C-alpha atoms as a PDB file:
ATOM      1  CA  MET A   1      -6.409  -0.121  -0.640  1.00  0.00           C
ATOM      2  CA  HIS A   2      -9.902   1.294   0.163  1.00  0.00           C
ATOM      3  CA  ARG A   3     -11.551   4.746  -0.215  1.00  0.00           C
ATOM      4  CA  PHE A   4     -14.190   4.793   2.469  1.00  0.00           C
ATOM      5  CA  PHE A   5     -15.578   7.594   4.199  1.00  0.00           C
ATOM      6  CA  SER A   6     -12.399   9.754   4.756  1.00  0.00           C
ATOM      7  CA  SER A   7     -10.300  12.280   2.972  1.00  0.00           C
ATOM      8  CA  ALA A   8      -7.597   9.986   2.779  1.00  0.00           C
ATOM      9  CA  LEU A   9      -9.884   8.189   0.788  1.00  0.00           C
ATOM     10  CA  PHE A  10      -8.606   9.037  -2.669  1.00  0.00           C
ATOM     11  CA  LEU A  11      -5.036   8.595  -1.783  1.00  0.00           C
ATOM     12  CA  LEU A  12      -6.000   5.261  -1.522  1.00  0.00           C
ATOM     13  CA  CYS A  13      -7.731   4.909  -4.789  1.00  0.00           C
ATOM     14  CA  LEU A  14      -4.963   6.678  -6.684  1.00  0.00           C
ATOM     15  CA  SER A  15      -3.138   3.489  -6.301  1.00  0.00           C
ATOM     16  CA  ALA A  16      -6.116   1.383  -6.744  1.00  0.00           C
ATOM     17  CA  CYS A  17      -6.955   3.238 -10.204  1.00  0.00           C
ATOM     18  CA  SER A  18      -3.393   3.295 -11.684  1.00  0.00           C
ATOM     19  CA  LYS A  19      -3.415  -0.315 -11.768  1.00  0.00           C
ATOM     20  CA  SER A  20      -5.517  -0.095 -15.347  1.00  0.00           C
ATOM     21  CA  SER A  21      -8.418  -0.715 -16.320  1.00  0.00           C
ATOM     22  CA  ASN A  22     -14.402  -2.418 -16.731  1.00  0.00           C
ATOM     23  CA  VAL A  23     -16.853  -2.709 -14.396  1.00  0.00           C
ATOM     24  CA  GLY A  24     -20.533  -2.398 -14.796  1.00  0.00           C
ATOM     25  CA  SER A  25     -23.089  -1.057 -12.894  1.00  0.00           C
ATOM     26  CA  VAL A  26     -23.239   1.629 -10.059  1.00  0.00           C
ATOM     27  CA  ASP A  27     -24.902   4.249  -8.544  1.00  0.00           C
ATOM     28  CA  ASN A  28     -28.612   4.505  -8.426  1.00  0.00           C
ATOM     29  CA  ASP A  29     -28.640   7.985  -7.683  1.00  0.00           C
ATOM     30  CA  THR A  30     -29.766   8.979 -11.044  1.00  0.00           C
ATOM     31  CA  GLU A  31     -30.615   7.175 -14.206  1.00  0.00           C
ATOM     32  CA  SER A  32     -28.335   4.932 -15.727  1.00  0.00           C
ATOM     33  CA  ALA A  33     -26.257   4.188 -18.838  1.00  0.00           C
ATOM     34  CA  SER A  34     -25.213   1.340 -20.427  1.00  0.00           C
ATOM     35  CA  ALA A  35     -21.438   0.734 -20.251  1.00  0.00           C
ATOM     36  CA  PRO A  36     -18.994  -2.411 -21.446  1.00  0.00           C
ATOM     37  CA  SER A  37     -19.655  -4.579 -19.722  1.00  0.00           C
ATOM     38  CA  ASP A  38      -4.972   2.524   6.892  1.00  0.00           C
ATOM     39  CA  ALA A  39      -6.486   5.100   7.849  1.00  0.00           C
ATOM     40  CA  GLY A  40      -8.881   6.274   4.817  1.00  0.00           C
ATOM     41  CA  THR A  41     -11.323   3.636   3.842  1.00  0.00           C
ATOM     42  CA  ALA A  42     -15.111   4.930   2.394  1.00  0.00           C
ATOM     43  CA  VAL A  43     -18.234   3.984   3.771  1.00  0.00           C
ATOM     44  CA  GLU A  44     -21.822   3.231   2.022  1.00  0.00           C
ATOM     45  CA  THR A  45     -25.306   2.982   2.881  1.00  0.00           C
ATOM     46  CA  ALA A  46     -27.346  -0.208   1.710  1.00  0.00           C
ATOM     47  CA  ALA A  47     -29.570  -0.318  -1.024  1.00  0.00           C
ATOM     48  CA  GLY A  48     -28.881   2.848  -2.291  1.00  0.00           C
ATOM     49  CA  LEU A  49     -30.352   4.871   0.503  1.00  0.00           C
ATOM     50  CA  ILE A  50     -28.758   8.037   1.626  1.00  0.00           C
ATOM     51  CA  THR A  51     -27.801   6.917   5.418  1.00  0.00           C
ATOM     52  CA  ASN A  52     -25.160   6.842   7.960  1.00  0.00           C
ATOM     53  CA  ALA A  53     -24.671   3.765   9.493  1.00  0.00           C
ATOM     54  CA  ALA A  54     -22.389   2.317   6.963  1.00  0.00           C
ATOM     55  CA  CYS A  55     -20.076   5.869   7.313  1.00  0.00           C
ATOM     56  CA  GLU A  56     -20.536   4.895  11.332  1.00  0.00           C
ATOM     57  CA  ALA A  57     -19.933   1.095  10.847  1.00  0.00           C
ATOM     58  CA  GLN A  58     -16.826   2.157   8.460  1.00  0.00           C
ATOM     59  CA  ILE A  59     -15.154   4.546  11.245  1.00  0.00           C
ATOM     60  CA  SER A  60     -15.289   1.286  13.475  1.00  0.00           C
ATOM     61  CA  TYR A  61     -13.755  -0.473  11.015  1.00  0.00           C
ATOM     62  CA  GLU A  62     -11.047   1.894  10.803  1.00  0.00           C
ATOM     63  CA  GLN A  63     -10.667   2.972  14.536  1.00  0.00           C
ATOM     64  CA  ARG A  64     -10.485  -0.819  15.094  1.00  0.00           C
ATOM     65  CA  CYS A  65      -7.468  -1.439  12.492  1.00  0.00           C
ATOM     66  CA  ALA A  66      -5.986   2.336  13.013  1.00  0.00           C
ATOM     67  CA  ASP A  67      -2.102   1.878  13.586  1.00  0.00           C
ATOM     68  CA  THR A  68      -1.972   5.260  15.947  1.00  0.00           C
ATOM     69  CA  PRO A  69      -3.665   5.793  19.529  1.00  0.00           C
ATOM     70  CA  GLU A  70      -4.660   8.830  18.061  1.00  0.00           C
ATOM     71  CA  ALA A  71      -6.412   7.288  14.861  1.00  0.00           C
ATOM     72  CA  LYS A  72      -7.918   4.559  17.731  1.00  0.00           C
ATOM     73  CA  SER A  73      -9.063   7.025  20.078  1.00  0.00           C
ATOM     74  CA  ALA A  74     -13.195   7.761  20.431  1.00  0.00           C
ATOM     75  CA  ALA A  75     -12.362  11.417  19.897  1.00  0.00           C
ATOM     76  CA  CYS A  76     -11.337  10.849  16.491  1.00  0.00           C
ATOM     77  CA  ALA A  77     -14.365   8.653  15.802  1.00  0.00           C
ATOM     78  CA  ASN A  78     -16.993  10.723  17.296  1.00  0.00           C
ATOM     79  CA  GLY A  79     -15.631  13.575  15.496  1.00  0.00           C
ATOM     80  CA  ARG A  80     -15.943  11.748  12.269  1.00  0.00           C
ATOM     81  CA  LYS A  81     -19.034  10.644  13.354  1.00  0.00           C
ATOM     82  CA  VAL A  82     -20.279  13.968  13.282  1.00  0.00           C
ATOM     83  CA  ASP A  83     -20.042  14.562   9.570  1.00  0.00           C
ATOM     84  CA  CYS A  84     -21.245  11.451   8.133  1.00  0.00           C
ATOM     85  CA  ASP A  85     -24.054  13.443   6.526  1.00  0.00           C
ATOM     86  CA  ARG A  86     -21.357  15.280   4.434  1.00  0.00           C
ATOM     87  CA  VAL A  87     -18.996  12.038   3.797  1.00  0.00           C
ATOM     88  CA  THR A  88     -22.100   9.748   2.763  1.00  0.00           C
ATOM     89  CA  THR A  89     -23.833  12.108   0.545  1.00  0.00           C
ATOM     90  CA  SER A  90     -20.331  12.633  -1.560  1.00  0.00           C
ATOM     91  CA  PHE A  91     -20.250   8.536  -2.499  1.00  0.00           C
ATOM     92  CA  SER A  92     -22.000   6.679  -4.869  1.00  0.00           C
ATOM     93  CA  SER A  93     -25.127   4.933  -3.809  1.00  0.00           C
ATOM     94  CA  ALA A  94     -23.765   1.456  -5.330  1.00  0.00           C
ATOM     95  CA  TYR A  95     -20.829   1.901  -3.074  1.00  0.00           C
ATOM     96  CA  ARG A  96     -22.427   2.774   0.002  1.00  0.00           C
ATOM     97  CA  GLU A  97     -24.313  -0.709  -0.844  1.00  0.00           C
ATOM     98  CA  ALA A  98     -20.950  -2.499  -0.947  1.00  0.00           C
ATOM     99  CA  VAL A  99     -19.170  -0.972   2.014  1.00  0.00           C
ATOM    100  CA  ALA A 100     -22.425  -1.747   4.209  1.00  0.00           C
ATOM    101  CA  THR A 101     -22.248  -4.983   3.083  1.00  0.00           C
ATOM    102  CA  CYS A 102     -18.542  -5.705   3.259  1.00  0.00           C
ATOM    103  CA  VAL A 103     -17.655  -3.858   6.515  1.00  0.00           C
ATOM    104  CA  THR A 104     -18.578  -5.246   9.460  1.00  0.00           C
ATOM    105  CA  ALA A 105     -17.557  -5.937  12.979  1.00  0.00           C
ATOM    106  CA  THR A 106     -15.977  -9.147  12.383  1.00  0.00           C
ATOM    107  CA  VAL A 107     -14.030  -8.270   9.103  1.00  0.00           C
ATOM    108  CA  PRO A 108     -10.238  -9.018   9.576  1.00  0.00           C
ATOM    109  CA  CYS A 109      -8.554  -5.571   9.260  1.00  0.00           C
ATOM    110  CA  GLY A 110      -7.613  -5.328   5.175  1.00  0.00           C
ATOM    111  CA  ASP A 111      -9.999  -8.029   4.036  1.00  0.00           C
ATOM    112  CA  ALA A 112     -13.387  -6.038   3.486  1.00  0.00           C
ATOM    113  CA  GLU A 113     -11.795  -4.045  -0.498  1.00  0.00           C
ATOM    114  CA  ALA A 114     -11.659  -7.633  -2.080  1.00  0.00           C
ATOM    115  CA  CYS A 115     -15.355  -7.653  -0.469  1.00  0.00           C
ATOM    116  CA  VAL A 116     -16.522  -4.160  -1.656  1.00  0.00           C
ATOM    117  CA  ASP A 117     -14.335  -4.778  -5.386  1.00  0.00           C
ATOM    118  CA  LYS A 118     -16.625  -7.958  -5.883  1.00  0.00           C
ATOM    119  CA  LYS A 119     -19.675  -6.060  -4.944  1.00  0.00           C
ATOM    120  CA  LEU A 120     -18.773  -3.346  -7.582  1.00  0.00           C
ATOM    121  CA  ALA A 121     -18.291  -5.421 -10.299  1.00  0.00           C
ATOM    122  CA  GLY A 122     -20.629  -5.575 -12.673  1.00  0.00           C
ATOM    123  CA  THR A 123     -22.655  -2.828 -11.751  1.00  0.00           C
ATOM    124  CA  THR A 124     -23.648  -0.296 -14.299  1.00  0.00           C
ATOM    125  CA  PRO A 125     -22.441   3.525 -14.002  1.00  0.00           C
ATOM    126  CA  THR A 126     -25.365   6.385 -14.076  1.00  0.00           C
ATOM    127  CA  ALA A 127     -25.452   8.432 -16.940  1.00  0.00           C
ATOM    128  CA  ILE A 128     -23.034  11.481 -15.863  1.00  0.00           C
ATOM    129  CA  MET A 129     -20.261   8.545 -15.073  1.00  0.00           C
ATOM    130  CA  ALA A 130     -20.344   6.947 -18.891  1.00  0.00           C
ATOM    131  CA  GLN A 131     -20.098  11.090 -19.887  1.00  0.00           C
ATOM    132  CA  ILE A 132     -17.209  10.961 -18.061  1.00  0.00           C
ATOM    133  CA  ARG A 133     -15.678   7.999 -19.480  1.00  0.00           C
ATOM    134  CA  ASP A 134     -16.299   9.024 -23.129  1.00  0.00           C
ATOM    135  CA  ASN A 135     -15.273  12.534 -22.352  1.00  0.00           C
ATOM    136  CA  PHE A 136     -12.272  11.178 -20.601  1.00  0.00           C
ATOM    137  CA  CYS A 137     -11.573   8.933 -23.867  1.00  0.00           C
ATOM    138  CA  ALA A 138     -11.902  11.963 -26.088  1.00  0.00           C
ATOM    139  CA  THR A 139      -9.549  14.107 -23.802  1.00  0.00           C
ATOM    140  CA  CYS A 140      -6.747  11.686 -23.385  1.00  0.00           C
ATOM    141  CA  LYS A 141      -6.076   9.771 -26.539  1.00  0.00           C
ATOM    142  CA  ASP A 142      -2.982   8.390 -25.406  1.00  0.00           C
ATOM    143  CA  THR A 143      -5.184   5.722 -23.702  1.00  0.00           C
ATOM    144  CA  GLY A 144      -5.833   3.928 -26.882  1.00  0.00           C
ATOM    145  CA  PRO A 145      -8.665   2.016 -28.572  1.00  0.00           C
ATOM    146  CA  THR A 146      -9.799  -0.204 -25.561  1.00  0.00           C
ATOM    147  CA  CYS A 147     -10.045   3.044 -23.633  1.00  0.00           C
ATOM    148  CA  LYS A 148     -14.180   2.925 -23.234  1.00  0.00           C
ATOM    149  CA  ASP A 149     -14.196  -0.868 -22.966  1.00  0.00           C
ATOM    150  CA  THR A 150     -11.489  -0.556 -19.908  1.00  0.00           C
ATOM    151  CA  PHE A 151     -12.538   2.809 -18.161  1.00  0.00           C
ATOM    152  CA  PHE A 152     -14.633   0.646 -15.630  1.00  0.00           C
ATOM    153  CA  ARG A 153     -12.841  -2.249 -15.245  1.00  0.00           C
ATOM    154  CA  ILE A 154     -12.458  -4.034 -12.162  1.00  0.00           C
ATOM    155  CA  SER A 155      -9.643  -6.785 -12.018  1.00  0.00           C
ATOM    156  CA  SER A 156      -7.665  -7.894  -9.518  1.00  0.00           C
ATOM    157  CA  ASP A 157      -5.503  -9.532 -12.383  1.00  0.00           C
ATOM    158  CA  GLU A 158      -5.551  -6.951 -15.183  1.00  0.00           C
ATOM    159  CA  GLY A 159      -6.034  -3.956 -13.003  1.00  0.00           C
ATOM    160  CA  ASN A 160      -8.651  -1.470 -12.315  1.00  0.00           C
ATOM    161  CA  GLY A 161      -9.976   1.084 -14.664  1.00  0.00           C
ATOM    162  CA  ASP A 162      -9.361   4.317 -14.932  1.00  0.00           C
ATOM    163  CA  GLY A 163     -12.711   5.079 -13.923  1.00  0.00           C
ATOM    164  CA  TYR A 164     -12.612   3.035 -10.687  1.00  0.00           C
ATOM    165  CA  LEU A 165     -12.782   6.183  -8.434  1.00  0.00           C
ATOM    166  CA  ILE A 166     -15.788   7.693 -10.872  1.00  0.00           C
ATOM    167  CA  LEU A 167     -17.682   4.556  -9.910  1.00  0.00           C
ATOM    168  CA  LEU A 168     -17.342   5.480  -6.098  1.00  0.00           C
ATOM    169  CA  ALA A 169     -18.575   8.861  -6.494  1.00  0.00           C
ATOM    170  CA  SER A 170     -22.130  10.670  -6.012  1.00  0.00           C
ATOM    171  CA  ASP A 171     -23.547  12.549  -8.932  1.00  0.00           C
ATOM    172  CA  ASP A 172     -22.847  15.492  -7.969  1.00  0.00           C
ATOM    173  CA  VAL A 173     -19.213  14.824  -7.283  1.00  0.00           C
ATOM    174  CA  ALA A 174     -18.807  13.593 -10.795  1.00  0.00           C
ATOM    175  CA  ARG A 175     -20.533  16.378 -12.153  1.00  0.00           C
ATOM    176  CA  ALA A 176     -17.783  18.292 -11.031  1.00  0.00           C
ATOM    177  CA  ILE A 177     -15.080  15.782 -12.332  1.00  0.00           C
ATOM    178  CA  ASP A 178     -16.220  15.858 -15.568  1.00  0.00           C
ATOM    179  CA  ALA A 179     -16.407  20.186 -15.634  1.00  0.00           C
ATOM    180  CA  GLN A 180     -12.805  20.278 -14.019  1.00  0.00           C
ATOM    181  CA  CYS A 181     -11.038  17.181 -15.517  1.00  0.00           C
ATOM    182  CA  THR A 182     -11.811  16.155 -18.799  1.00  0.00           C
ATOM    183  CA  GLY A 183     -11.700  18.313 -22.061  1.00  0.00           C
ATOM    184  CA  SER A 184     -10.163  22.136 -22.316  1.00  0.00           C
ATOM    185  CA  LYS A 185     -10.307  22.077 -18.475  1.00  0.00           C
ATOM    186  CA  LEU A 186      -7.738  19.634 -17.755  1.00  0.00           C
ATOM    187  CA  ASP A 187      -4.297  21.423 -17.277  1.00  0.00           C
ATOM    188  CA  ILE A 188      -1.902  18.602 -17.583  1.00  0.00           C
ATOM    189  CA  ALA A 189       1.214  20.897 -17.742  1.00  0.00           C
ATOM    190  CA  GLY A 190      -0.064  23.016 -14.707  1.00  0.00           C
ATOM    191  CA  SER A 191      -0.639  19.871 -12.792  1.00  0.00           C
ATOM    192  CA  GLY A 192       2.708  18.641 -12.928  1.00  0.00           C
ATOM    193  CA  ALA A 193       1.327  15.350 -14.793  1.00  0.00           C
ATOM    194  CA  THR A 194       3.279  13.653 -17.191  1.00  0.00           C
ATOM    195  CA  THR A 195       0.609  12.639 -18.964  1.00  0.00           C
ATOM    196  CA  CYS A 196      -2.998  13.201 -19.901  1.00  0.00           C
ATOM    197  CA  ARG A 197      -4.151  10.478 -17.728  1.00  0.00           C
ATOM    198  CA  GLU A 198      -2.537  10.883 -14.617  1.00  0.00           C
ATOM    199  CA  ALA A 199      -3.708  14.210 -14.978  1.00  0.00           C
ATOM    200  CA  PHE A 200      -6.891  13.215 -14.795  1.00  0.00           C
ATOM    201  CA  LEU A 201      -6.477  10.934 -11.621  1.00  0.00           C
ATOM    202  CA  ASN A 202      -4.793  13.549  -9.747  1.00  0.00           C
ATOM    203  CA  CYS A 203      -7.569  16.205 -11.268  1.00  0.00           C
ATOM    204  CA  ALA A 204     -10.747  13.395 -10.656  1.00  0.00           C
ATOM    205  CA  THR A 205      -8.854  12.721  -6.811  1.00  0.00           C
ATOM    206  CA  ASN A 206      -8.717  16.133  -5.849  1.00  0.00           C
ATOM    207  CA  GLU A 207     -12.551  17.344  -6.844  1.00  0.00           C
ATOM    208  CA  GLN A 208     -13.606  14.039  -4.575  1.00  0.00           C
ATOM    209  CA  GLN A 209     -11.389  15.155  -1.639  1.00  0.00           C
ATOM    210  CA  SER A 210     -12.984  18.816  -1.569  1.00  0.00           C
ATOM    211  CA  ALA A 211     -16.471  16.710  -1.478  1.00  0.00           C
ATOM    212  CA  LEU A 212     -15.170  15.635   1.990  1.00  0.00           C
ATOM    213  CA  PRO A 213     -14.627  16.820   4.927  1.00  0.00           C
ATOM    214  CA  PRO A 214     -11.130  16.793   6.862  1.00  0.00           C
ATOM    215  CA  PHE A 215     -10.240  14.638   9.468  1.00  0.00           C
ATOM    216  CA  PRO A 216     -10.336  15.865  13.073  1.00  0.00           C
ATOM    217  CA  ASP A 217      -7.561  17.101  14.756  1.00  0.00           C
ATOM    218  CA  ALA A 218      -7.906  14.357  17.550  1.00  0.00           C
ATOM    219  CA  CYS A 219      -7.126  11.730  14.676  1.00  0.00           C
ATOM    220  CA  TYR A 220      -3.793  13.170  14.475  1.00  0.00           C
ATOM    221  CA  PRO A 221      -0.583  12.759  16.637  1.00  0.00           C
ATOM    222  CA  PRO A 222      -0.004  16.136  18.543  1.00  0.00           C
ATOM    223  CA  PRO A 223       3.000  17.993  16.565  1.00  0.00           C
ATOM    224  CA  PRO A 224       6.379  17.805  18.572  1.00  0.00           C
ATOM    225  CA  ASP A 225       7.332  19.905  21.378  1.00  0.00           C
ATOM    226  CA  GLY A 226       7.999  23.897  19.685  1.00  0.00           C
ATOM    227  CA  GLY A 227       6.325  22.680  16.437  1.00  0.00           C
END
């Protein structure tokens, strides 16, 4: 599942992240740090530039591939495009570039994900992303000795690492995730999670979702009569 420019994005990402673990390079928004090497999908810009072309392309893709008449409607698509500025700046330049390349008017529904993952694999995390990796592995000691090596992994065979979601986030969002989801700030018991890893993924997902605008009402079926 994929996470493009939508508020449902990180519900999708949770599935991708939970498959398990190494990617390489990402965002060019800031300095990079070396690291071992369907309603809601997210869109990104080309060449690391913050533009809304990819956001609009993703919205068109989701509109075309949606299951409900409301999600397919022009009102839903147009309402979402109004928020492209906010959505675009919530995601990393590497992810924006990958989505801009992969999400085209001719791509079959459901085929964009593998292309995006292929583009992301082998990218280099930014300094704040690498910091999250280090802090996560120090916080969640039950992740084992390969935590840092597998954190940014993207693999259809072995599963994606716990840092997959982090690769999608802008540096500003990543800083919020680091501040709220690692170290003493990570509230495992209060989150309802049963493991440190699960609590981290839930927390990181919530931070990303809070940075995204909600879908317009036009994207949802009307409530039942009397509801």
